[in-house]
């Protein structure tokens, strides 16, 4: 980049002319080494804030909850409703098995309802984190606009500077390099923030699908087990239907576990890259 020019590429807006003029009017040759320091410090602080927001919301506990829920479902086999054949069946009738299965299901359903509630809370937490990242994105964009105005003012100053051979470089050149590095880091942080939000969104959708699936499974099995009315009814549960509903929920849990694993990896990559952007500033 030539000393007397500063270029804005792509769709990024050019600096506000009034702001550039304001900066130029306040120029102080004695403060060149600290030129635009408030703008630089603001950009760095906002990158730090975005990094802190990206680091919140560990998904490890959510994965543990999903794994536990799957284990509970594995222990609820509709095939257990079928009485044993032969002599053993004389002491293990259909009614007794249904009663015991209902009791086991009731305990499991209560536990999974709590799990679904916690998963829903994590979905809300992801939405709140996304809002915080949105604010960080906007703040960094605004900090970039201010940095650009200062860089444009610096470029205009350097355009009128013609050093003689053997003269030391203008101190503003080194300062502008520092501001350029800060600007580059801030600009690169913007798509990383969006990547963190996208990872959260996909994980949140998977968790919501599981929470909804638990509610559907609970209602379906409650009806199949004759527990929807005021008094338990004598029913012959549709074991195939129950197995199908259970397998659907297990599939949702498996997909969510895979998505959370991928989300953790994406978030770790984003956090690492944002930390590297911040490190030299």
Foldseek 3Di string as FASTA:
>chain_A
DDLQDDDDDDPQDAADPVLLVVLLVPDDLVCLLCQCVVLLVQLLVLLVQLLVLLPPQQCPVVLVLLVVLLVLLVVLALVQLDADDDPNSVVVDNVNSLVVSVVSVVVSLVVVLVSLVVLLVSLVVLVVSLVSLVVSLVSLSVSLSSLSSSLNSSSNVSVPDDDDPPDDDRSNVVVSVVSVLSSVLSVVLNVLSVLSSVLSVQLSVLSNVLSVLSVVLSVVVCVQSQNPDPDRDDHDGPSVVNVVSSVVSNVSSVVSSVSSVVSVVSSVVSSVSSCVSSVVD
